[in-house]
C-alpha atoms as a PDB file:
ATOM      1  CA  UNK A   1      15.673  21.893   1.820  1.00  0.00           C
ATOM      2  CA  UNK A   2      12.476  22.496  -0.138  1.00  0.00           C
ATOM      3  CA  UNK A   3       9.809  19.809   0.170  1.00  0.00           C
ATOM      4  CA  UNK A   4      10.111  19.136  -3.563  1.00  0.00           C
ATOM      5  CA  UNK A   5      13.857  18.543  -3.131  1.00  0.00           C
ATOM      6  CA  UNK A   6      13.252  16.096  -0.300  1.00  0.00           C
ATOM      7  CA  UNK A   7      10.689  14.216  -2.412  1.00  0.00           C
ATOM      8  CA  UNK A   8      12.992  14.096  -5.441  1.00  0.00           C
ATOM      9  CA  UNK A   9      16.040  12.925  -3.462  1.00  0.00           C
ATOM     10  CA  UNK A  10      14.263  10.357  -1.297  1.00  0.00           C
ATOM     11  CA  UNK A  11      14.594   6.774  -2.467  1.00  0.00           C
ATOM     12  CA  UNK A  12      14.730   3.373  -0.822  1.00  0.00           C
ATOM     13  CA  UNK A  13      18.403   3.104   0.085  1.00  0.00           C
ATOM     14  CA  UNK A  14      19.779  -0.439   0.056  1.00  0.00           C
ATOM     15  CA  UNK A  15      23.406   0.238   0.940  1.00  0.00           C
ATOM     16  CA  UNK A  16      24.292   2.375   3.961  1.00  0.00           C
ATOM     17  CA  UNK A  17      27.617   3.535   5.339  1.00  0.00           C
ATOM     18  CA  UNK A  18      28.641   2.625   8.887  1.00  0.00           C
ATOM     19  CA  UNK A  19      28.351   6.251  10.015  1.00  0.00           C
ATOM     20  CA  UNK A  20      26.319   6.493  13.213  1.00  0.00           C
ATOM     21  CA  UNK A  21      23.159   8.550  13.619  1.00  0.00           C
ATOM     22  CA  UNK A  22      22.813  11.143  16.376  1.00  0.00           C
ATOM     23  CA  UNK A  23      19.791  10.435  18.571  1.00  0.00           C
ATOM     24  CA  UNK A  24      19.173  14.181  18.928  1.00  0.00           C
ATOM     25  CA  UNK A  25      18.717  14.435  15.157  1.00  0.00           C
ATOM     26  CA  UNK A  26      16.210  11.579  15.169  1.00  0.00           C
ATOM     27  CA  UNK A  27      14.322  13.102  18.077  1.00  0.00           C
ATOM     28  CA  UNK A  28      14.099  16.357  16.126  1.00  0.00           C
ATOM     29  CA  UNK A  29      12.690  14.472  13.119  1.00  0.00           C
ATOM     30  CA  UNK A  30      10.141  12.546  15.158  1.00  0.00           C
ATOM     31  CA  UNK A  31       9.069  15.631  17.073  1.00  0.00           C
ATOM     32  CA  UNK A  32       8.256  17.347  13.782  1.00  0.00           C
ATOM     33  CA  UNK A  33       6.605  14.216  12.354  1.00  0.00           C
ATOM     34  CA  UNK A  34       3.982  14.368  15.111  1.00  0.00           C
ATOM     35  CA  UNK A  35       2.231  16.841  12.797  1.00  0.00           C
ATOM     36  CA  UNK A  36       1.468  14.075  10.275  1.00  0.00           C
ATOM     37  CA  UNK A  37      -2.284  13.802   9.601  1.00  0.00           C
ATOM     38  CA  UNK A  38      -4.519  11.017  10.876  1.00  0.00           C
ATOM     39  CA  UNK A  39      -8.255  10.457  10.749  1.00  0.00           C
ATOM     40  CA  UNK A  40      -9.895  11.837  13.885  1.00  0.00           C
ATOM     41  CA  UNK A  41      -6.388  12.650  15.158  1.00  0.00           C
ATOM     42  CA  UNK A  42      -6.077   9.011  16.317  1.00  0.00           C
ATOM     43  CA  UNK A  43      -2.303   8.911  15.620  1.00  0.00           C
ATOM     44  CA  UNK A  44      -2.312   5.085  15.429  1.00  0.00           C
ATOM     45  CA  UNK A  45       1.431   4.697  14.862  1.00  0.00           C
ATOM     46  CA  UNK A  46       3.985   3.150  17.201  1.00  0.00           C
ATOM     47  CA  UNK A  47       7.706   2.760  16.568  1.00  0.00           C
ATOM     48  CA  UNK A  48      10.583   1.004  18.334  1.00  0.00           C
ATOM     49  CA  UNK A  49      14.014   2.405  17.515  1.00  0.00           C
ATOM     50  CA  UNK A  50      16.846  -0.146  17.469  1.00  0.00           C
ATOM     51  CA  UNK A  51      20.579   0.443  17.225  1.00  0.00           C
ATOM     52  CA  UNK A  52      23.730  -1.152  18.599  1.00  0.00           C
ATOM     53  CA  UNK A  53      23.357  -4.423  20.508  1.00  0.00           C
ATOM     54  CA  UNK A  54      19.531  -4.648  20.305  1.00  0.00           C
ATOM     55  CA  UNK A  55      19.704  -4.302  16.501  1.00  0.00           C
ATOM     56  CA  UNK A  56      22.528  -6.843  16.307  1.00  0.00           C
ATOM     57  CA  UNK A  57      20.480  -9.270  18.441  1.00  0.00           C
ATOM     58  CA  UNK A  58      17.501  -8.975  16.092  1.00  0.00           C
ATOM     59  CA  UNK A  59      19.659  -9.492  13.001  1.00  0.00           C
ATOM     60  CA  UNK A  60      21.286 -12.548  14.588  1.00  0.00           C
ATOM     61  CA  UNK A  61      17.925 -14.069  15.538  1.00  0.00           C
ATOM     62  CA  UNK A  62      16.498 -13.742  12.038  1.00  0.00           C
ATOM     63  CA  UNK A  63      19.745 -15.058  10.537  1.00  0.00           C
ATOM     64  CA  UNK A  64      19.142 -18.348  12.359  1.00  0.00           C
ATOM     65  CA  UNK A  65      16.023 -18.947  10.270  1.00  0.00           C
ATOM     66  CA  UNK A  66      17.232 -17.640   6.911  1.00  0.00           C
ATOM     67  CA  UNK A  67      18.393 -21.127   5.799  1.00  0.00           C
ATOM     68  CA  UNK A  68      14.842 -22.433   6.279  1.00  0.00           C
ATOM     69  CA  UNK A  69      13.590 -20.219   3.442  1.00  0.00           C
ATOM     70  CA  UNK A  70       9.847 -19.692   3.110  1.00  0.00           C
ATOM     71  CA  UNK A  71       9.186 -22.381   5.680  1.00  0.00           C
ATOM     72  CA  UNK A  72      10.139 -19.841   8.358  1.00  0.00           C
ATOM     73  CA  UNK A  73       7.878 -17.080   7.015  1.00  0.00           C
ATOM     74  CA  UNK A  74       4.892 -16.113   9.171  1.00  0.00           C
ATOM     75  CA  UNK A  75       3.709 -12.586   8.298  1.00  0.00           C
ATOM     76  CA  UNK A  76       0.737 -11.191  10.189  1.00  0.00           C
ATOM     77  CA  UNK A  77      -0.765  -9.750   7.000  1.00  0.00           C
ATOM     78  CA  UNK A  78      -0.353 -10.117   3.236  1.00  0.00           C
ATOM     79  CA  UNK A  79       2.572  -7.923   2.179  1.00  0.00           C
ATOM     80  CA  UNK A  80       1.132  -8.048  -1.359  1.00  0.00           C
ATOM     81  CA  UNK A  81      -2.435  -9.094  -2.186  1.00  0.00           C
ATOM     82  CA  UNK A  82      -2.494 -12.718  -3.434  1.00  0.00           C
ATOM     83  CA  UNK A  83      -4.507 -11.513  -6.440  1.00  0.00           C
ATOM     84  CA  UNK A  84      -2.055  -8.738  -7.395  1.00  0.00           C
ATOM     85  CA  UNK A  85      -1.893  -8.602 -11.187  1.00  0.00           C
ATOM     86  CA  UNK A  86      -1.853  -6.340 -14.232  1.00  0.00           C
ATOM     87  CA  UNK A  87       0.070  -3.086 -14.067  1.00  0.00           C
ATOM     88  CA  UNK A  88       0.543  -3.386 -10.309  1.00  0.00           C
ATOM     89  CA  UNK A  89       2.331  -6.717 -10.545  1.00  0.00           C
ATOM     90  CA  UNK A  90       4.265  -5.553 -13.611  1.00  0.00           C
ATOM     91  CA  UNK A  91       5.597  -2.529 -11.690  1.00  0.00           C
ATOM     92  CA  UNK A  92       6.604  -4.709  -8.743  1.00  0.00           C
ATOM     93  CA  UNK A  93       8.507  -7.116 -10.986  1.00  0.00           C
ATOM     94  CA  UNK A  94      10.151  -4.353 -12.991  1.00  0.00           C
ATOM     95  CA  UNK A  95      11.697  -2.588 -10.017  1.00  0.00           C
ATOM     96  CA  UNK A  96      13.094  -5.916  -8.833  1.00  0.00           C
ATOM     97  CA  UNK A  97      14.640  -6.673 -12.201  1.00  0.00           C
ATOM     98  CA  UNK A  98      16.009  -3.130 -12.496  1.00  0.00           C
ATOM     99  CA  UNK A  99      17.610  -3.499  -9.083  1.00  0.00           C
ATOM    100  CA  UNK A 100      19.184  -6.874  -9.884  1.00  0.00           C
ATOM    101  CA  UNK A 101      20.336  -5.449 -13.193  1.00  0.00           C
ATOM    102  CA  UNK A 102      22.150  -2.640 -11.374  1.00  0.00           C
ATOM    103  CA  UNK A 103      23.762  -5.286  -9.182  1.00  0.00           C
ATOM    104  CA  UNK A 104      24.692  -7.402 -12.234  1.00  0.00           C
ATOM    105  CA  UNK A 105      22.848 -10.404 -10.788  1.00  0.00           C
ATOM    106  CA  UNK A 106      21.221 -12.335 -13.660  1.00  0.00           C
ATOM    107  CA  UNK A 107      17.963 -14.204 -13.130  1.00  0.00           C
ATOM    108  CA  UNK A 108      19.673 -17.591 -13.415  1.00  0.00           C
ATOM    109  CA  UNK A 109      22.027 -16.790 -10.528  1.00  0.00           C
ATOM    110  CA  UNK A 110      19.454 -17.624  -7.896  1.00  0.00           C
ATOM    111  CA  UNK A 111      21.989 -18.136  -5.112  1.00  0.00           C
ATOM    112  CA  UNK A 112      23.408 -14.633  -5.528  1.00  0.00           C
ATOM    113  CA  UNK A 113      19.919 -13.131  -5.661  1.00  0.00           C
ATOM    114  CA  UNK A 114      18.917 -14.945  -2.479  1.00  0.00           C
ATOM    115  CA  UNK A 115      22.094 -13.737  -0.784  1.00  0.00           C
ATOM    116  CA  UNK A 116      21.205 -10.190  -1.732  1.00  0.00           C
ATOM    117  CA  UNK A 117      17.618 -10.654  -0.520  1.00  0.00           C
ATOM    118  CA  UNK A 118      19.033 -11.716   2.850  1.00  0.00           C
ATOM    119  CA  UNK A 119      20.549  -8.239   3.205  1.00  0.00           C
ATOM    120  CA  UNK A 120      17.011  -7.006   3.868  1.00  0.00           C
ATOM    121  CA  UNK A 121      17.376  -8.645   7.272  1.00  0.00           C
ATOM    122  CA  UNK A 122      20.588  -6.814   8.011  1.00  0.00           C
ATOM    123  CA  UNK A 123      18.725  -3.524   7.377  1.00  0.00           C
ATOM    124  CA  UNK A 124      21.120  -3.109   4.418  1.00  0.00           C
ATOM    125  CA  UNK A 125      23.835  -2.116   6.870  1.00  0.00           C
ATOM    126  CA  UNK A 126      21.893   0.810   8.355  1.00  0.00           C
ATOM    127  CA  UNK A 127      22.865   1.687  11.947  1.00  0.00           C
ATOM    128  CA  UNK A 128      19.235   2.306  12.944  1.00  0.00           C
ATOM    129  CA  UNK A 129      16.081   0.270  12.374  1.00  0.00           C
ATOM    130  CA  UNK A 130      12.605   1.393  13.383  1.00  0.00           C
ATOM    131  CA  UNK A 131       9.990  -1.334  13.842  1.00  0.00           C
ATOM    132  CA  UNK A 132       6.430  -0.105  13.269  1.00  0.00           C
ATOM    133  CA  UNK A 133       3.345  -1.617  14.899  1.00  0.00           C
ATOM    134  CA  UNK A 134      -0.265  -0.705  15.664  1.00  0.00           C
ATOM    135  CA  UNK A 135      -3.234  -2.215  17.537  1.00  0.00           C
ATOM    136  CA  UNK A 136      -4.682  -5.209  15.700  1.00  0.00           C
ATOM    137  CA  UNK A 137      -8.156  -3.698  15.526  1.00  0.00           C
ATOM    138  CA  UNK A 138      -6.979  -0.749  13.424  1.00  0.00           C
ATOM    139  CA  UNK A 139      -8.391  -0.788   9.880  1.00  0.00           C
ATOM    140  CA  UNK A 140      -7.261   0.362   6.425  1.00  0.00           C
ATOM    141  CA  UNK A 141      -7.828   4.080   7.179  1.00  0.00           C
ATOM    142  CA  UNK A 142      -5.467   3.891  10.163  1.00  0.00           C
ATOM    143  CA  UNK A 143      -2.886   1.951   8.149  1.00  0.00           C
ATOM    144  CA  UNK A 144      -3.040   4.787   5.618  1.00  0.00           C
ATOM    145  CA  UNK A 145      -2.398   7.198   8.499  1.00  0.00           C
ATOM    146  CA  UNK A 146       0.709   5.200   9.439  1.00  0.00           C
ATOM    147  CA  UNK A 147       1.909   5.504   5.848  1.00  0.00           C
ATOM    148  CA  UNK A 148       1.519   9.288   5.978  1.00  0.00           C
ATOM    149  CA  UNK A 149       3.471   9.376   9.252  1.00  0.00           C
ATOM    150  CA  UNK A 150       6.263   7.308   7.760  1.00  0.00           C
ATOM    151  CA  UNK A 151       6.425   9.423   4.600  1.00  0.00           C
ATOM    152  CA  UNK A 152       6.641  12.531   6.765  1.00  0.00           C
ATOM    153  CA  UNK A 153       9.528  10.943   8.668  1.00  0.00           C
ATOM    154  CA  UNK A 154      11.333   9.947   5.477  1.00  0.00           C
ATOM    155  CA  UNK A 155      11.119  13.451   4.024  1.00  0.00           C
ATOM    156  CA  UNK A 156      12.274  15.026   7.291  1.00  0.00           C
ATOM    157  CA  UNK A 157      15.197  12.592   7.328  1.00  0.00           C
ATOM    158  CA  UNK A 158      16.211  13.919   3.916  1.00  0.00           C
ATOM    159  CA  UNK A 159      16.094  17.458   5.300  1.00  0.00           C
ATOM    160  CA  UNK A 160      18.634  16.295   7.897  1.00  0.00           C
ATOM    161  CA  UNK A 161      20.854  14.671   5.253  1.00  0.00           C
ATOM    162  CA  UNK A 162      19.755  11.174   6.274  1.00  0.00           C
ATOM    163  CA  UNK A 163      18.297   8.358   4.204  1.00  0.00           C
ATOM    164  CA  UNK A 164      15.931   5.491   4.773  1.00  0.00           C
ATOM    165  CA  UNK A 165      14.398   2.327   3.379  1.00  0.00           C
ATOM    166  CA  UNK A 166      10.863   1.272   4.322  1.00  0.00           C
ATOM    167  CA  UNK A 167      10.992  -2.509   4.655  1.00  0.00           C
ATOM    168  CA  UNK A 168       7.822  -4.560   4.660  1.00  0.00           C
ATOM    169  CA  UNK A 169      10.140  -7.552   4.133  1.00  0.00           C
ATOM    170  CA  UNK A 170      10.628  -7.740   7.909  1.00  0.00           C
ATOM    171  CA  UNK A 171       6.958  -8.730   8.217  1.00  0.00           C
ATOM    172  CA  UNK A 172       7.705 -12.300   7.130  1.00  0.00           C
ATOM    173  CA  UNK A 173       9.655 -12.824  10.359  1.00  0.00           C
ATOM    174  CA  UNK A 174       7.089 -11.393  12.768  1.00  0.00           C
ATOM    175  CA  UNK A 175       7.322 -14.273  15.308  1.00  0.00           C
ATOM    176  CA  UNK A 176      11.123 -14.112  15.393  1.00  0.00           C
ATOM    177  CA  UNK A 177      11.014 -10.344  15.857  1.00  0.00           C
ATOM    178  CA  UNK A 178       8.601 -10.713  18.763  1.00  0.00           C
ATOM    179  CA  UNK A 179      11.072 -13.064  20.474  1.00  0.00           C
ATOM    180  CA  UNK A 180      13.653 -10.295  20.845  1.00  0.00           C
ATOM    181  CA  UNK A 181      11.632  -7.051  20.653  1.00  0.00           C
ATOM    182  CA  UNK A 182       8.812  -6.068  23.007  1.00  0.00           C
ATOM    183  CA  UNK A 183       5.923  -5.589  20.575  1.00  0.00           C
ATOM    184  CA  UNK A 184       2.598  -5.770  22.478  1.00  0.00           C
ATOM    185  CA  UNK A 185       0.643  -8.974  21.864  1.00  0.00           C
ATOM    186  CA  UNK A 186      -2.473  -7.011  20.955  1.00  0.00           C
ATOM    187  CA  UNK A 187      -0.560  -5.110  18.248  1.00  0.00           C
ATOM    188  CA  UNK A 188       0.176  -6.192  14.695  1.00  0.00           C
ATOM    189  CA  UNK A 189       3.720  -5.835  13.426  1.00  0.00           C
ATOM    190  CA  UNK A 190       3.791  -3.803  10.197  1.00  0.00           C
ATOM    191  CA  UNK A 191       7.285  -3.081   8.887  1.00  0.00           C
ATOM    192  CA  UNK A 192      10.791  -1.832   9.441  1.00  0.00           C
ATOM    193  CA  UNK A 193      12.371   1.462   8.449  1.00  0.00           C
ATOM    194  CA  UNK A 194      16.146   1.382   7.987  1.00  0.00           C
ATOM    195  CA  UNK A 195      17.766   4.752   8.742  1.00  0.00           C
ATOM    196  CA  UNK A 196      21.285   5.995   8.102  1.00  0.00           C
ATOM    197  CA  UNK A 197      23.530   7.605   5.501  1.00  0.00           C
ATOM    198  CA  UNK A 198      23.544   6.321   1.940  1.00  0.00           C
ATOM    199  CA  UNK A 199      26.606   4.828   0.308  1.00  0.00           C
ATOM    200  CA  UNK A 200      26.831   7.178  -2.662  1.00  0.00           C
ATOM    201  CA  UNK A 201      29.122   4.774  -4.529  1.00  0.00           C
ATOM    202  CA  UNK A 202      26.745   1.795  -4.413  1.00  0.00           C
ATOM    203  CA  UNK A 203      25.078   1.022  -7.748  1.00  0.00           C
ATOM    204  CA  UNK A 204      21.953  -0.198  -5.966  1.00  0.00           C
ATOM    205  CA  UNK A 205      21.380   3.366  -4.743  1.00  0.00           C
ATOM    206  CA  UNK A 206      21.577   4.912  -8.204  1.00  0.00           C
ATOM    207  CA  UNK A 207      19.539   2.891 -10.696  1.00  0.00           C
ATOM    208  CA  UNK A 208      16.471   4.676 -12.153  1.00  0.00           C
ATOM    209  CA  UNK A 209      13.224   3.670 -10.449  1.00  0.00           C
ATOM    210  CA  UNK A 210      10.377   3.828 -12.956  1.00  0.00           C
ATOM    211  CA  UNK A 211       7.161   5.584 -12.058  1.00  0.00           C
ATOM    212  CA  UNK A 212       3.825   5.204 -13.815  1.00  0.00           C
ATOM    213  CA  UNK A 213       2.851   8.074 -16.120  1.00  0.00           C
ATOM    214  CA  UNK A 214       0.449  10.513 -14.479  1.00  0.00           C
ATOM    215  CA  UNK A 215      -2.245   9.596 -17.005  1.00  0.00           C
ATOM    216  CA  UNK A 216      -2.295   6.038 -15.607  1.00  0.00           C
ATOM    217  CA  UNK A 217      -3.044   7.114 -12.069  1.00  0.00           C
ATOM    218  CA  UNK A 218      -4.898  10.455 -12.094  1.00  0.00           C
ATOM    219  CA  UNK A 219      -8.124  11.396 -13.901  1.00  0.00           C
ATOM    220  CA  UNK A 220      -9.194  15.000 -14.421  1.00  0.00           C
ATOM    221  CA  UNK A 221     -12.879  15.953 -14.548  1.00  0.00           C
ATOM    222  CA  UNK A 222     -14.324  19.428 -15.046  1.00  0.00           C
ATOM    223  CA  UNK A 223     -10.995  20.859 -16.214  1.00  0.00           C
ATOM    224  CA  UNK A 224     -10.436  22.693 -19.462  1.00  0.00           C
END
């Protein structure tokens, strides 16, 4: 697969089949992803790969607190800046509405939307979930490095015919995750990455995801 094909076919998959994932394939992906860049070659990323009973245990633990709503949330960082506004907030809201539109869940059906949101904490049915963490003293440059590592992994997964969904949503349940997964106390929990095979029939995996025009994000200076 060409890199451009992997980029074009990668999307956040929110409905997976129950097909298992071969550990040897994942090891091949992660071995290659070691080449991802990082400032000073610090390689600040750490991942815990869950499947089977450990994944089921995590899902069950978080499910206990789902009825408590936001009262149970305790993220270790702001998933979105509190001051997010303008085009950035508009893009965030649009993708949500486009997704719910594909699912035929109108805004007024809050119960159905909440039920769908809860599927985040089932990893959307993926058989594998990676939990990503890093030392608490790492700064924005190292977090950017982690993002490059994860993007490298996601593109390599596409090369293997696999799919993924990066899930910062898991961050809101950081304390619950720490109860059942051995994340070091001096590390901050960042996000999850659901891994598996997409359900090609699911509407949520097919709706168009808008991207900002290039002119909104890139300026050209010194070019003819």
